[in-house]
């Protein structure tokens, strides 16, 4: 991922294999597919820190 590490919501096309620790394997792999030219529906990914913060505040 080329953006700074504090980005919490990103377009899937900005992700790659180095994004796995912050955005998960599925989102990172979808980013890899998009960047290799495979037709993948547009989407976004939420940083794992944001997800866990949401869970903590929801309970």
PDB file of N, CA and C in Angstrom:
ATOM      1  N   UNK A   1       0.840  -1.169   0.000  1.00  0.00           N
ATOM      2  CA  UNK A   1       0.000   0.000   0.000  1.00  0.00           C
ATOM      3  C   UNK A   1       0.884   1.230   0.000  1.00  0.00           C
ATOM      4  N   UNK A   2       0.555   2.187  -0.808  1.00  0.00           N
ATOM      5  CA  UNK A   2       1.402   3.358  -0.940  1.00  0.00           C
ATOM      6  C   UNK A   2       1.012   4.501  -0.011  1.00  0.00           C
ATOM      7  N   UNK A   3      -0.166   4.442   0.592  1.00  0.00           N
ATOM      8  CA  UNK A   3      -0.600   5.514   1.475  1.00  0.00           C
ATOM      9  C   UNK A   3      -0.011   5.324   2.866  1.00  0.00           C
ATOM     10  N   UNK A   4      -0.138   6.362   3.712  1.00  0.00           N
ATOM     11  CA  UNK A   4       0.420   6.245   5.055  1.00  0.00           C
ATOM     12  C   UNK A   4      -0.318   5.183   5.860  1.00  0.00           C
ATOM     13  N   UNK A   5       0.309   4.703   6.907  1.00  0.00           N
ATOM     14  CA  UNK A   5      -0.225   3.592   7.692  1.00  0.00           C
ATOM     15  C   UNK A   5      -1.430   3.960   8.540  1.00  0.00           C
ATOM     16  N   UNK A   6      -1.768   5.245   8.642  1.00  0.00           N
ATOM     17  CA  UNK A   6      -2.904   5.663   9.453  1.00  0.00           C
ATOM     18  C   UNK A   6      -4.212   5.694   8.671  1.00  0.00           C
ATOM     19  N   UNK A   7      -4.168   5.376   7.395  1.00  0.00           N
ATOM     20  CA  UNK A   7      -5.373   5.366   6.583  1.00  0.00           C
ATOM     21  C   UNK A   7      -6.297   4.267   7.085  1.00  0.00           C
ATOM     22  N   UNK A   8      -7.559   4.617   7.308  1.00  0.00           N
ATOM     23  CA  UNK A   8      -8.474   3.642   7.889  1.00  0.00           C
ATOM     24  C   UNK A   8      -9.462   3.055   6.896  1.00  0.00           C
ATOM     25  N   UNK A   9      -9.811   3.796   5.861  1.00  0.00           N
ATOM     26  CA  UNK A   9     -10.717   3.291   4.838  1.00  0.00           C
ATOM     27  C   UNK A   9     -10.082   3.589   3.485  1.00  0.00           C
ATOM     28  N   UNK A  10      -9.890   2.552   2.669  1.00  0.00           N
ATOM     29  CA  UNK A  10      -9.231   2.747   1.374  1.00  0.00           C
ATOM     30  C   UNK A  10      -9.953   1.982   0.273  1.00  0.00           C
ATOM     31  N   UNK A  11      -9.776   2.452  -0.928  1.00  0.00           N
ATOM     32  CA  UNK A  11     -10.270   1.767  -2.106  1.00  0.00           C
ATOM     33  C   UNK A  11      -9.471   0.480  -2.277  1.00  0.00           C
ATOM     34  N   UNK A  12     -10.131  -0.595  -2.680  1.00  0.00           N
ATOM     35  CA  UNK A  12      -9.437  -1.878  -2.844  1.00  0.00           C
ATOM     36  C   UNK A  12      -8.259  -1.789  -3.805  1.00  0.00           C
ATOM     37  N   UNK A  13      -8.353  -0.931  -4.792  1.00  0.00           N
ATOM     38  CA  UNK A  13      -7.271  -0.830  -5.775  1.00  0.00           C
ATOM     39  C   UNK A  13      -5.974  -0.295  -5.171  1.00  0.00           C
ATOM     40  N   UNK A  14      -6.036   0.274  -3.985  1.00  0.00           N
ATOM     41  CA  UNK A  14      -4.840   0.795  -3.317  1.00  0.00           C
ATOM     42  C   UNK A  14      -4.115  -0.277  -2.506  1.00  0.00           C
ATOM     43  N   UNK A  15      -4.713  -1.462  -2.393  1.00  0.00           N
ATOM     44  CA  UNK A  15      -4.147  -2.511  -1.549  1.00  0.00           C
ATOM     45  C   UNK A  15      -3.320  -3.496  -2.357  1.00  0.00           C
ATOM     46  N   UNK A  16      -2.409  -4.169  -1.655  1.00  0.00           N
ATOM     47  CA  UNK A  16      -1.595  -5.225  -2.256  1.00  0.00           C
ATOM     48  C   UNK A  16      -1.206  -6.205  -1.155  1.00  0.00           C
ATOM     49  N   UNK A  17      -0.321  -7.116  -1.453  1.00  0.00           N
ATOM     50  CA  UNK A  17       0.023  -8.159  -0.483  1.00  0.00           C
ATOM     51  C   UNK A  17       0.642  -7.606   0.799  1.00  0.00           C
ATOM     52  N   UNK A  18       1.232  -6.437   0.744  1.00  0.00           N
ATOM     53  CA  UNK A  18       1.813  -5.858   1.960  1.00  0.00           C
ATOM     54  C   UNK A  18       0.754  -5.229   2.863  1.00  0.00           C
ATOM     55  N   UNK A  19      -0.491  -5.212   2.427  1.00  0.00           N
ATOM     56  CA  UNK A  19      -1.582  -4.612   3.200  1.00  0.00           C
ATOM     57  C   UNK A  19      -2.284  -5.601   4.122  1.00  0.00           C
ATOM     58  N   UNK A  20      -1.897  -6.853   4.068  1.00  0.00           N
ATOM     59  CA  UNK A  20      -2.623  -7.908   4.771  1.00  0.00           C
ATOM     60  C   UNK A  20      -2.735  -7.675   6.270  1.00  0.00           C
ATOM     61  N   UNK A  21      -1.678  -7.221   6.906  1.00  0.00           N
ATOM     62  CA  UNK A  21      -1.716  -7.070   8.367  1.00  0.00           C
ATOM     63  C   UNK A  21      -2.700  -5.999   8.818  1.00  0.00           C
ATOM     64  N   UNK A  22      -2.958  -5.003   7.994  1.00  0.00           N
ATOM     65  CA  UNK A  22      -3.867  -3.918   8.376  1.00  0.00           C
ATOM     66  C   UNK A  22      -5.259  -4.033   7.772  1.00  0.00           C
ATOM     67  N   UNK A  23      -5.393  -4.740   6.645  1.00  0.00           N
ATOM     68  CA  UNK A  23      -6.685  -4.793   5.966  1.00  0.00           C
ATOM     69  C   UNK A  23      -7.190  -6.210   5.724  1.00  0.00           C
ATOM     70  N   UNK A  24      -6.438  -7.209   6.130  1.00  0.00           N
ATOM     71  CA  UNK A  24      -6.874  -8.590   5.984  1.00  0.00           C
ATOM     72  C   UNK A  24      -6.528  -9.186   4.633  1.00  0.00           C
ATOM     73  N   UNK A  25      -6.546 -10.492   4.605  1.00  0.00           N
ATOM     74  CA  UNK A  25      -6.154 -11.222   3.411  1.00  0.00           C
ATOM     75  C   UNK A  25      -7.104 -11.072   2.247  1.00  0.00           C
ATOM     76  N   UNK A  26      -8.396 -11.103   2.517  1.00  0.00           N
ATOM     77  CA  UNK A  26      -9.365 -11.022   1.422  1.00  0.00           C
ATOM     78  C   UNK A  26      -9.257  -9.685   0.696  1.00  0.00           C
ATOM     79  N   UNK A  27      -9.244  -8.592   1.441  1.00  0.00           N
ATOM     80  CA  UNK A  27      -9.158  -7.266   0.822  1.00  0.00           C
ATOM     81  C   UNK A  27      -7.831  -7.093   0.086  1.00  0.00           C
ATOM     82  N   UNK A  28      -6.757  -7.549   0.699  1.00  0.00           N
ATOM     83  CA  UNK A  28      -5.441  -7.424   0.064  1.00  0.00           C
ATOM     84  C   UNK A  28      -5.373  -8.232  -1.225  1.00  0.00           C
ATOM     85  N   UNK A  29      -5.931  -9.427  -1.201  1.00  0.00           N
ATOM     86  CA  UNK A  29      -5.935 -10.254  -2.411  1.00  0.00           C
ATOM     87  C   UNK A  29      -6.819  -9.657  -3.500  1.00  0.00           C
ATOM     88  N   UNK A  30      -7.936  -9.058  -3.112  1.00  0.00           N
ATOM     89  CA  UNK A  30      -8.766  -8.379  -4.109  1.00  0.00           C
ATOM     90  C   UNK A  30      -7.996  -7.218  -4.735  1.00  0.00           C
ATOM     91  N   UNK A  31      -7.233  -6.503  -3.921  1.00  0.00           N
ATOM     92  CA  UNK A  31      -6.384  -5.435  -4.448  1.00  0.00           C
ATOM     93  C   UNK A  31      -5.357  -5.962  -5.427  1.00  0.00           C
ATOM     94  N   UNK A  32      -4.759  -7.090  -5.099  1.00  0.00           N
ATOM     95  CA  UNK A  32      -3.788  -7.713  -6.011  1.00  0.00           C
ATOM     96  C   UNK A  32      -4.454  -8.080  -7.338  1.00  0.00           C
ATOM     97  N   UNK A  33      -5.660  -8.638  -7.272  1.00  0.00           N
ATOM     98  CA  UNK A  33      -6.374  -9.005  -8.496  1.00  0.00           C
ATOM     99  C   UNK A  33      -6.677  -7.775  -9.349  1.00  0.00           C
ATOM    100  N   UNK A  34      -7.164  -6.718  -8.706  1.00  0.00           N
ATOM    101  CA  UNK A  34      -7.468  -5.477  -9.428  1.00  0.00           C
ATOM    102  C   UNK A  34      -6.211  -4.944 -10.103  1.00  0.00           C
ATOM    103  N   UNK A  35      -5.117  -4.913  -9.355  1.00  0.00           N
ATOM    104  CA  UNK A  35      -3.869  -4.355  -9.881  1.00  0.00           C
ATOM    105  C   UNK A  35      -3.225  -5.222 -10.957  1.00  0.00           C
ATOM    106  N   UNK A  36      -3.641  -6.480 -11.043  1.00  0.00           N
ATOM    107  CA  UNK A  36      -3.112  -7.334 -12.112  1.00  0.00           C
ATOM    108  C   UNK A  36      -4.027  -7.329 -13.338  1.00  0.00           C
ATOM    109  N   UNK A  37      -5.092  -6.526 -13.290  1.00  0.00           N
ATOM    110  CA  UNK A  37      -5.949  -6.365 -14.456  1.00  0.00           C
ATOM    111  C   UNK A  37      -7.196  -7.225 -14.470  1.00  0.00           C
ATOM    112  N   UNK A  38      -7.425  -7.984 -13.433  1.00  0.00           N
ATOM    113  CA  UNK A  38      -8.621  -8.827 -13.374  1.00  0.00           C
ATOM    114  C   UNK A  38      -9.816  -7.962 -12.975  1.00  0.00           C
ATOM    115  N   UNK A  39     -10.939  -8.197 -13.625  1.00  0.00           N
ATOM    116  CA  UNK A  39     -12.143  -7.410 -13.380  1.00  0.00           C
ATOM    117  C   UNK A  39     -12.755  -7.794 -12.032  1.00  0.00           C
ATOM    118  N   UNK A  40     -12.695  -6.877 -11.088  1.00  0.00           N
ATOM    119  CA  UNK A  40     -13.239  -7.070  -9.740  1.00  0.00           C
ATOM    120  C   UNK A  40     -14.152  -5.882  -9.451  1.00  0.00           C
ATOM    121  N   UNK A  41     -15.332  -6.124  -8.888  1.00  0.00           N
ATOM    122  CA  UNK A  41     -16.211  -4.992  -8.555  1.00  0.00           C
ATOM    123  C   UNK A  41     -15.511  -3.997  -7.626  1.00  0.00           C
ATOM    124  N   UNK A  42     -15.846  -2.722  -7.792  1.00  0.00           N
ATOM    125  CA  UNK A  42     -15.260  -1.699  -6.939  1.00  0.00           C
ATOM    126  C   UNK A  42     -15.654  -1.939  -5.490  1.00  0.00           C
ATOM    127  N   UNK A  43     -14.790  -1.524  -4.595  1.00  0.00           N
ATOM    128  CA  UNK A  43     -15.088  -1.684  -3.182  1.00  0.00           C
ATOM    129  C   UNK A  43     -14.064  -0.972  -2.329  1.00  0.00           C
ATOM    130  N   UNK A  44     -14.221  -1.119  -1.036  1.00  0.00           N
ATOM    131  CA  UNK A  44     -13.311  -0.487  -0.096  1.00  0.00           C
ATOM    132  C   UNK A  44     -13.011  -1.456   1.027  1.00  0.00           C
ATOM    133  N   UNK A  45     -11.983  -1.132   1.784  1.00  0.00           N
ATOM    134  CA  UNK A  45     -11.604  -1.950   2.931  1.00  0.00           C
ATOM    135  C   UNK A  45     -11.463  -1.054   4.152  1.00  0.00           C
ATOM    136  N   UNK A  46     -11.789  -1.614   5.289  1.00  0.00           N
ATOM    137  CA  UNK A  46     -11.679  -0.906   6.561  1.00  0.00           C
ATOM    138  C   UNK A  46     -10.496  -1.481   7.327  1.00  0.00           C
ATOM    139  N   UNK A  47      -9.641  -0.611   7.799  1.00  0.00           N
ATOM    140  CA  UNK A  47      -8.475  -0.985   8.582  1.00  0.00           C
ATOM    141  C   UNK A  47      -8.906  -1.798   9.808  1.00  0.00           C
ATOM    142  N   UNK A  48      -8.126  -2.805  10.175  1.00  0.00           N
ATOM    143  CA  UNK A  48      -8.478  -3.648  11.317  1.00  0.00           C
ATOM    144  C   UNK A  48      -8.546  -2.853  12.618  1.00  0.00           C
ATOM    145  N   UNK A  49      -7.719  -1.820  12.754  1.00  0.00           N
ATOM    146  CA  UNK A  49      -7.776  -0.989  13.968  1.00  0.00           C
ATOM    147  C   UNK A  49      -9.130  -0.296  14.089  1.00  0.00           C
ATOM    148  N   UNK A  50      -9.639   0.216  12.986  1.00  0.00           N
ATOM    149  CA  UNK A  50     -10.948   0.870  12.988  1.00  0.00           C
ATOM    150  C   UNK A  50     -12.044  -0.139  13.328  1.00  0.00           C
ATOM    151  N   UNK A  51     -11.943  -1.326  12.767  1.00  0.00           N
ATOM    152  CA  UNK A  51     -12.925  -2.378  13.038  1.00  0.00           C
ATOM    153  C   UNK A  51     -12.955  -2.741  14.523  1.00  0.00           C
ATOM    154  N   UNK A  52     -11.785  -2.982  15.107  1.00  0.00           N
ATOM    155  CA  UNK A  52     -11.742  -3.360  16.519  1.00  0.00           C
ATOM    156  C   UNK A  52     -12.144  -2.202  17.425  1.00  0.00           C
ATOM    157  N   UNK A  53     -11.841  -0.980  17.028  1.00  0.00           N
ATOM    158  CA  UNK A  53     -12.286   0.188  17.785  1.00  0.00           C
ATOM    159  C   UNK A  53     -13.813   0.251  17.792  1.00  0.00           C
ATOM    160  N   UNK A  54     -14.418  -0.004  16.642  1.00  0.00           N
ATOM    161  CA  UNK A  54     -15.876  -0.036  16.552  1.00  0.00           C
ATOM    162  C   UNK A  54     -16.456  -1.115  17.469  1.00  0.00           C
ATOM    163  N   UNK A  55     -15.862  -2.301  17.434  1.00  0.00           N
ATOM    164  CA  UNK A  55     -16.361  -3.386  18.285  1.00  0.00           C
ATOM    165  C   UNK A  55     -16.267  -3.023  19.766  1.00  0.00           C
ATOM    166  N   UNK A  56     -15.159  -2.441  20.160  1.00  0.00           N
ATOM    167  CA  UNK A  56     -14.985  -2.068  21.567  1.00  0.00           C
ATOM    168  C   UNK A  56     -15.986  -1.013  22.009  1.00  0.00           C
ATOM    169  N   UNK A  57     -16.291  -0.075  21.145  1.00  0.00           N
ATOM    170  CA  UNK A  57     -17.230   0.988  21.498  1.00  0.00           C
ATOM    171  C   UNK A  57     -18.680   0.536  21.397  1.00  0.00           C
ATOM    172  N   UNK A  58     -18.920  -0.567  20.699  1.00  0.00           N
ATOM    173  CA  UNK A  58     -20.287  -1.063  20.522  1.00  0.00           C
ATOM    174  C   UNK A  58     -20.745  -1.955  21.665  1.00  0.00           C
ATOM    175  N   UNK A  59     -19.827  -2.428  22.452  1.00  0.00           N
ATOM    176  CA  UNK A  59     -20.186  -3.358  23.538  1.00  0.00           C
ATOM    177  C   UNK A  59     -20.201  -2.689  24.879  1.00  0.00           C
TER     178      UNK A  59
END
